[in-house]
Amino acid sequence: MGFYDERILPHMINMACSTSPTQKQRQKIVPLAKGEVLEIGFGSGLNVPFYDAANVSRIWALEPSAGMRAKAVPMVEATTLDIEFIDLPGEEIPLESNSVDTVLVTYSLCTIADTDVALEGMRRVLKPDGRLLYCEHGLAPDHKVVRWQNRLNSPWKKIAGGCNMNRDIPTLLARGGFNIKTDERMYIPGLQVLSYNYWGSATAAK
């Protein structure tokens, strides 16, 4: 990781992911987490204020970026939640199979290089009665917007830490072995190419 990735990019991502519309989206999904939680792409800890501490026993915070983990320290130190960092990419989850009650992934599937491997890992660690909770931006439903997403995706990835504008989130989840149980979608305020949101819950396919 170079200077840009560890010193500049974390600040840019934190600003982009902490806008009022995205915070409102987090508020819809994060409080549903229960028990032992694996959060994929913990980032700077923006989800921390929305957890229901009465229902969460521990949070495994998977975040490969040292810069993002450093930015998360104030959030972690200010909460009573039991949070333990895992400093590995989303494709590498060093937890036992069937060990977590909730997998939470918010605004992170867009940046994981190998989503199939990552989702296979999430499914492996999730208990049979557990849930995956997700909130992501991705492929828009409007052809004009999709054309711009496809045009801009390559240069955007280069400056935004590998973020993809145009990933089809429900298709990724289904291909990764999950059955979607709740599925909500809408544009939130912001640039249309980056603001079509998907959120809901899924269970591991039998």
C-alpha atoms as a PDB file:
ATOM      1  CA  MET A   1       0.000   0.000   0.000  1.00  0.00           C
ATOM      2  CA  GLY A   2       1.345   3.444  -0.954  1.00  0.00           C
ATOM      3  CA  PHE A   3       0.946   6.920   0.498  1.00  0.00           C
ATOM      4  CA  TYR A   4      -2.258   7.593  -1.467  1.00  0.00           C
ATOM      5  CA  ASP A   5      -3.907   4.327  -0.399  1.00  0.00           C
ATOM      6  CA  GLU A   6      -3.094   4.656   3.291  1.00  0.00           C
ATOM      7  CA  ARG A   7      -3.072   8.421   3.914  1.00  0.00           C
ATOM      8  CA  ILE A   8      -5.380  10.081   1.381  1.00  0.00           C
ATOM      9  CA  LEU A   9      -7.867   7.427   0.242  1.00  0.00           C
ATOM     10  CA  PRO A  10      -9.152   6.613   3.764  1.00  0.00           C
ATOM     11  CA  HIS A  11     -10.175  10.258   4.248  1.00  0.00           C
ATOM     12  CA  MET A  12     -11.887  10.352   0.850  1.00  0.00           C
ATOM     13  CA  ILE A  13     -13.786   7.118   1.512  1.00  0.00           C
ATOM     14  CA  ASN A  14     -14.779   8.253   4.987  1.00  0.00           C
ATOM     15  CA  MET A  15     -16.219  11.486   3.612  1.00  0.00           C
ATOM     16  CA  ALA A  16     -18.082   9.723   0.794  1.00  0.00           C
ATOM     17  CA  CYS A  17     -19.505   7.037   3.089  1.00  0.00           C
ATOM     18  CA  SER A  18     -20.567   9.328   5.925  1.00  0.00           C
ATOM     19  CA  THR A  19     -23.019  11.560   4.080  1.00  0.00           C
ATOM     20  CA  SER A  20     -26.458  11.976   5.603  1.00  0.00           C
ATOM     21  CA  PRO A  21     -28.199   9.748   2.991  1.00  0.00           C
ATOM     22  CA  THR A  22     -25.754   6.855   3.510  1.00  0.00           C
ATOM     23  CA  GLN A  23     -25.993   7.205   7.280  1.00  0.00           C
ATOM     24  CA  LYS A  24     -29.774   6.920   7.003  1.00  0.00           C
ATOM     25  CA  GLN A  25     -29.289   3.729   4.994  1.00  0.00           C
ATOM     26  CA  ARG A  26     -27.006   2.280   7.682  1.00  0.00           C
ATOM     27  CA  GLN A  27     -29.641   3.101  10.285  1.00  0.00           C
ATOM     28  CA  LYS A  28     -32.112   0.870   8.442  1.00  0.00           C
ATOM     29  CA  ILE A  29     -29.962  -2.276   8.476  1.00  0.00           C
ATOM     30  CA  VAL A  30     -27.258  -2.199  11.182  1.00  0.00           C
ATOM     31  CA  PRO A  31     -29.634  -2.385  14.215  1.00  0.00           C
ATOM     32  CA  LEU A  32     -30.865  -5.766  12.929  1.00  0.00           C
ATOM     33  CA  ALA A  33     -27.485  -7.388  13.672  1.00  0.00           C
ATOM     34  CA  LYS A  34     -27.495  -9.897  16.530  1.00  0.00           C
ATOM     35  CA  GLY A  35     -25.124 -12.129  18.477  1.00  0.00           C
ATOM     36  CA  GLU A  36     -21.640 -12.727  17.119  1.00  0.00           C
ATOM     37  CA  VAL A  37     -21.261 -10.355  14.179  1.00  0.00           C
ATOM     38  CA  LEU A  38     -18.762 -10.374  11.331  1.00  0.00           C
ATOM     39  CA  GLU A  39     -18.627  -6.956   9.692  1.00  0.00           C
ATOM     40  CA  ILE A  40     -17.014  -7.042   6.266  1.00  0.00           C
ATOM     41  CA  GLY A  41     -15.257  -3.779   5.396  1.00  0.00           C
ATOM     42  CA  PHE A  42     -15.397  -2.163   8.841  1.00  0.00           C
ATOM     43  CA  GLY A  43     -13.768   0.969   7.440  1.00  0.00           C
ATOM     44  CA  SER A  44     -13.651   3.901   9.834  1.00  0.00           C
ATOM     45  CA  GLY A  45     -16.364   2.442  12.059  1.00  0.00           C
ATOM     46  CA  LEU A  46     -19.309   4.347  10.619  1.00  0.00           C
ATOM     47  CA  ASN A  47     -21.712   1.520  11.540  1.00  0.00           C
ATOM     48  CA  VAL A  48     -20.723   1.488  15.210  1.00  0.00           C
ATOM     49  CA  PRO A  49     -23.318   4.048  16.450  1.00  0.00           C
ATOM     50  CA  PHE A  50     -26.161   2.069  14.866  1.00  0.00           C
ATOM     51  CA  TYR A  51     -25.561  -1.318  16.507  1.00  0.00           C
ATOM     52  CA  ASP A  52     -28.027  -2.350  19.204  1.00  0.00           C
ATOM     53  CA  ALA A  53     -25.566  -3.110  22.018  1.00  0.00           C
ATOM     54  CA  ALA A  54     -28.196  -5.119  23.896  1.00  0.00           C
ATOM     55  CA  ASN A  55     -28.376  -7.650  21.045  1.00  0.00           C
ATOM     56  CA  VAL A  56     -24.721  -7.880  19.994  1.00  0.00           C
ATOM     57  CA  SER A  57     -22.190  -9.965  21.897  1.00  0.00           C
ATOM     58  CA  ARG A  58     -19.106  -9.303  19.755  1.00  0.00           C
ATOM     59  CA  ILE A  59     -18.108  -7.728  16.450  1.00  0.00           C
ATOM     60  CA  TRP A  60     -15.345  -9.143  14.289  1.00  0.00           C
ATOM     61  CA  ALA A  61     -14.248  -6.075  12.318  1.00  0.00           C
ATOM     62  CA  LEU A  62     -12.645  -7.194   9.061  1.00  0.00           C
ATOM     63  CA  GLU A  63     -10.703  -4.307   7.526  1.00  0.00           C
ATOM     64  CA  PRO A  64      -7.547  -4.780   5.432  1.00  0.00           C
ATOM     65  CA  SER A  65      -6.545  -1.103   5.281  1.00  0.00           C
ATOM     66  CA  ALA A  66      -4.262   0.123   8.068  1.00  0.00           C
ATOM     67  CA  GLY A  67      -5.324   3.671   7.253  1.00  0.00           C
ATOM     68  CA  MET A  68      -8.995   2.852   7.721  1.00  0.00           C
ATOM     69  CA  ARG A  69      -8.328   0.939  10.947  1.00  0.00           C
ATOM     70  CA  ALA A  70      -6.474   3.971  12.289  1.00  0.00           C
ATOM     71  CA  LYS A  71      -9.455   6.189  11.489  1.00  0.00           C
ATOM     72  CA  ALA A  72     -11.742   3.723  13.285  1.00  0.00           C
ATOM     73  CA  VAL A  73      -9.866   3.918  16.607  1.00  0.00           C
ATOM     74  CA  PRO A  74     -11.883   6.846  18.045  1.00  0.00           C
ATOM     75  CA  MET A  75     -15.167   5.083  17.249  1.00  0.00           C
ATOM     76  CA  VAL A  76     -13.965   1.816  18.789  1.00  0.00           C
ATOM     77  CA  GLU A  77     -12.609   3.474  21.921  1.00  0.00           C
ATOM     78  CA  ALA A  78     -15.822   5.439  22.466  1.00  0.00           C
ATOM     79  CA  THR A  79     -18.162   2.419  22.414  1.00  0.00           C
ATOM     80  CA  THR A  80     -18.928  -0.331  24.905  1.00  0.00           C
ATOM     81  CA  LEU A  81     -19.252  -2.838  22.067  1.00  0.00           C
ATOM     82  CA  ASP A  82     -16.722  -5.693  22.051  1.00  0.00           C
ATOM     83  CA  ILE A  83     -14.890  -5.111  18.753  1.00  0.00           C
ATOM     84  CA  GLU A  84     -11.921  -7.141  17.514  1.00  0.00           C
ATOM     85  CA  PHE A  85     -10.107  -6.231  14.290  1.00  0.00           C
ATOM     86  CA  ILE A  86      -9.250  -8.688  11.540  1.00  0.00           C
ATOM     87  CA  ASP A  87      -6.683  -7.058   9.255  1.00  0.00           C
ATOM     88  CA  LEU A  88      -7.242  -9.236   6.196  1.00  0.00           C
ATOM     89  CA  PRO A  89      -8.981  -8.769   2.826  1.00  0.00           C
ATOM     90  CA  GLY A  90     -12.628  -9.703   2.453  1.00  0.00           C
ATOM     91  CA  GLU A  91     -11.629 -12.901   0.647  1.00  0.00           C
ATOM     92  CA  GLU A  92      -9.800 -14.156   3.761  1.00  0.00           C
ATOM     93  CA  ILE A  93     -11.943 -14.796   6.844  1.00  0.00           C
ATOM     94  CA  PRO A  94      -9.998 -16.536   9.643  1.00  0.00           C
ATOM     95  CA  LEU A  95     -13.050 -17.644  11.635  1.00  0.00           C
ATOM     96  CA  GLU A  96     -14.425 -21.128  12.211  1.00  0.00           C
ATOM     97  CA  SER A  97     -17.276 -22.455  10.117  1.00  0.00           C
ATOM     98  CA  ASN A  98     -20.782 -21.861  11.515  1.00  0.00           C
ATOM     99  CA  SER A  99     -19.416 -19.421  14.106  1.00  0.00           C
ATOM    100  CA  VAL A 100     -21.255 -16.127  13.571  1.00  0.00           C
ATOM    101  CA  ASP A 101     -24.916 -15.179  13.878  1.00  0.00           C
ATOM    102  CA  THR A 102     -24.797 -12.166  11.563  1.00  0.00           C
ATOM    103  CA  VAL A 103     -22.641 -11.140   8.630  1.00  0.00           C
ATOM    104  CA  LEU A 104     -22.944  -7.412   7.977  1.00  0.00           C
ATOM    105  CA  VAL A 105     -21.669  -5.890   4.744  1.00  0.00           C
ATOM    106  CA  THR A 106     -22.285  -2.219   3.976  1.00  0.00           C
ATOM    107  CA  TYR A 107     -20.795  -0.376   1.013  1.00  0.00           C
ATOM    108  CA  SER A 108     -18.011  -2.960   0.714  1.00  0.00           C
ATOM    109  CA  LEU A 109     -19.030  -5.493  -1.956  1.00  0.00           C
ATOM    110  CA  CYS A 110     -18.222  -2.813  -4.520  1.00  0.00           C
ATOM    111  CA  THR A 111     -14.509  -2.958  -3.680  1.00  0.00           C
ATOM    112  CA  ILE A 112     -13.829  -6.655  -3.010  1.00  0.00           C
ATOM    113  CA  ALA A 113     -11.814  -8.019  -5.921  1.00  0.00           C
ATOM    114  CA  ASP A 114     -13.105 -11.615  -5.821  1.00  0.00           C
ATOM    115  CA  THR A 115     -16.667 -11.407  -4.575  1.00  0.00           C
ATOM    116  CA  ASP A 116     -17.358 -15.103  -5.225  1.00  0.00           C
ATOM    117  CA  VAL A 117     -14.561 -16.182  -2.876  1.00  0.00           C
ATOM    118  CA  ALA A 118     -15.514 -13.570  -0.283  1.00  0.00           C
ATOM    119  CA  LEU A 119     -19.193 -14.562  -0.262  1.00  0.00           C
ATOM    120  CA  GLU A 120     -18.264 -18.233  -0.048  1.00  0.00           C
ATOM    121  CA  GLY A 121     -16.295 -17.349   3.086  1.00  0.00           C
ATOM    122  CA  MET A 122     -19.206 -15.394   4.534  1.00  0.00           C
ATOM    123  CA  ARG A 123     -21.539 -18.306   3.902  1.00  0.00           C
ATOM    124  CA  ARG A 124     -19.047 -20.724   5.517  1.00  0.00           C
ATOM    125  CA  VAL A 125     -18.784 -18.802   8.796  1.00  0.00           C
ATOM    126  CA  LEU A 126     -22.501 -18.041   9.065  1.00  0.00           C
ATOM    127  CA  LYS A 127     -24.524 -20.302  11.367  1.00  0.00           C
ATOM    128  CA  PRO A 128     -27.335 -22.287   9.696  1.00  0.00           C
ATOM    129  CA  ASP A 129     -29.929 -19.989  11.269  1.00  0.00           C
ATOM    130  CA  GLY A 130     -27.854 -16.827  10.783  1.00  0.00           C
ATOM    131  CA  ARG A 131     -28.452 -13.896   8.460  1.00  0.00           C
ATOM    132  CA  LEU A 132     -26.418 -11.792   6.084  1.00  0.00           C
ATOM    133  CA  LEU A 133     -27.439  -8.133   6.244  1.00  0.00           C
ATOM    134  CA  TYR A 134     -26.415  -5.923   3.354  1.00  0.00           C
ATOM    135  CA  CYS A 135     -26.610  -2.326   2.194  1.00  0.00           C
ATOM    136  CA  GLU A 136     -24.752  -1.529  -1.019  1.00  0.00           C
ATOM    137  CA  HIS A 137     -24.732   0.801  -3.996  1.00  0.00           C
ATOM    138  CA  GLY A 138     -24.639  -0.734  -7.449  1.00  0.00           C
ATOM    139  CA  LEU A 139     -26.156  -1.265 -10.865  1.00  0.00           C
ATOM    140  CA  ALA A 140     -28.955   1.194 -11.582  1.00  0.00           C
ATOM    141  CA  PRO A 141     -32.280   0.183 -13.178  1.00  0.00           C
ATOM    142  CA  ASP A 142     -32.196   2.935 -15.799  1.00  0.00           C
ATOM    143  CA  HIS A 143     -30.398   2.294 -19.085  1.00  0.00           C
ATOM    144  CA  LYS A 144     -29.053   5.846 -19.392  1.00  0.00           C
ATOM    145  CA  VAL A 145     -27.545   5.687 -15.903  1.00  0.00           C
ATOM    146  CA  VAL A 146     -26.113   2.225 -16.558  1.00  0.00           C
ATOM    147  CA  ARG A 147     -24.380   3.496 -19.692  1.00  0.00           C
ATOM    148  CA  TRP A 148     -22.635   6.164 -17.644  1.00  0.00           C
ATOM    149  CA  GLN A 149     -21.812   3.661 -14.899  1.00  0.00           C
ATOM    150  CA  ASN A 150     -20.121   1.426 -17.469  1.00  0.00           C
ATOM    151  CA  ARG A 151     -18.246   4.339 -19.051  1.00  0.00           C
ATOM    152  CA  LEU A 152     -16.974   5.756 -15.785  1.00  0.00           C
ATOM    153  CA  ASN A 153     -16.343   2.545 -13.885  1.00  0.00           C
ATOM    154  CA  SER A 154     -12.748   1.962 -14.962  1.00  0.00           C
ATOM    155  CA  PRO A 155     -11.374   5.439 -14.156  1.00  0.00           C
ATOM    156  CA  TRP A 156     -13.465   5.592 -10.992  1.00  0.00           C
ATOM    157  CA  LYS A 157     -11.937   2.342  -9.702  1.00  0.00           C
ATOM    158  CA  LYS A 158      -8.451   3.791 -10.078  1.00  0.00           C
ATOM    159  CA  ILE A 159      -9.128   6.762  -7.806  1.00  0.00           C
ATOM    160  CA  ALA A 160     -11.662   5.186  -5.437  1.00  0.00           C
ATOM    161  CA  GLY A 161      -9.807   2.182  -4.030  1.00  0.00           C
ATOM    162  CA  GLY A 162     -11.241  -0.356  -6.457  1.00  0.00           C
ATOM    163  CA  CYS A 163     -14.864   0.702  -5.997  1.00  0.00           C
ATOM    164  CA  ASN A 164     -17.171  -0.513  -8.783  1.00  0.00           C
ATOM    165  CA  MET A 165     -20.217   1.557  -9.734  1.00  0.00           C
ATOM    166  CA  ASN A 166     -22.042  -1.143 -11.637  1.00  0.00           C
ATOM    167  CA  ARG A 167     -22.165  -4.361  -9.629  1.00  0.00           C
ATOM    168  CA  ASP A 168     -25.480  -6.242  -9.609  1.00  0.00           C
ATOM    169  CA  ILE A 169     -25.713  -6.892  -5.867  1.00  0.00           C
ATOM    170  CA  PRO A 170     -28.627  -9.407  -5.810  1.00  0.00           C
ATOM    171  CA  THR A 171     -26.976 -11.448  -8.565  1.00  0.00           C
ATOM    172  CA  LEU A 172     -23.673 -11.477  -6.672  1.00  0.00           C
ATOM    173  CA  LEU A 173     -25.399 -12.663  -3.496  1.00  0.00           C
ATOM    174  CA  ALA A 174     -27.301 -15.421  -5.291  1.00  0.00           C
ATOM    175  CA  ARG A 175     -24.155 -16.570  -7.082  1.00  0.00           C
ATOM    176  CA  GLY A 176     -22.375 -16.613  -3.726  1.00  0.00           C
ATOM    177  CA  GLY A 177     -24.835 -19.105  -2.285  1.00  0.00           C
ATOM    178  CA  PHE A 178     -27.352 -16.853  -0.544  1.00  0.00           C
ATOM    179  CA  ASN A 179     -31.134 -16.757  -0.664  1.00  0.00           C
ATOM    180  CA  ILE A 180     -32.371 -13.181  -0.477  1.00  0.00           C
ATOM    181  CA  LYS A 181     -35.201 -12.793   2.031  1.00  0.00           C
ATOM    182  CA  THR A 182     -35.786  -9.040   1.962  1.00  0.00           C
ATOM    183  CA  ASP A 183     -34.843  -6.850  -0.979  1.00  0.00           C
ATOM    184  CA  GLU A 184     -35.332  -3.086  -1.068  1.00  0.00           C
ATOM    185  CA  ARG A 185     -33.986  -0.684  -3.680  1.00  0.00           C
ATOM    186  CA  MET A 186     -34.024   3.016  -4.468  1.00  0.00           C
ATOM    187  CA  TYR A 187     -31.938   6.002  -5.467  1.00  0.00           C
ATOM    188  CA  ILE A 188     -30.717   7.956  -2.473  1.00  0.00           C
ATOM    189  CA  PRO A 189     -29.700  11.634  -2.819  1.00  0.00           C
ATOM    190  CA  GLY A 190     -26.434  12.040  -4.689  1.00  0.00           C
ATOM    191  CA  LEU A 191     -24.894  11.355  -8.097  1.00  0.00           C
ATOM    192  CA  GLN A 192     -27.106   8.818  -9.844  1.00  0.00           C
ATOM    193  CA  VAL A 193     -24.165   6.689 -10.981  1.00  0.00           C
ATOM    194  CA  LEU A 194     -23.251   6.124  -7.325  1.00  0.00           C
ATOM    195  CA  SER A 195     -26.549   6.408  -5.512  1.00  0.00           C
ATOM    196  CA  TYR A 196     -28.708   3.427  -6.474  1.00  0.00           C
ATOM    197  CA  ASN A 197     -28.921   1.406  -3.254  1.00  0.00           C
ATOM    198  CA  TYR A 198     -29.831  -2.178  -2.463  1.00  0.00           C
ATOM    199  CA  TRP A 199     -30.461  -3.314   1.104  1.00  0.00           C
ATOM    200  CA  GLY A 200     -31.989  -6.278   2.874  1.00  0.00           C
ATOM    201  CA  SER A 201     -31.242  -9.683   4.350  1.00  0.00           C
ATOM    202  CA  ALA A 202     -30.262 -13.116   3.091  1.00  0.00           C
ATOM    203  CA  THR A 203     -29.672 -16.617   4.399  1.00  0.00           C
ATOM    204  CA  ALA A 204     -27.204 -19.249   3.313  1.00  0.00           C
ATOM    205  CA  ALA A 205     -28.600 -21.593   0.690  1.00  0.00           C
ATOM    206  CA  LYS A 206     -28.991 -25.170   1.896  1.00  0.00           C
END
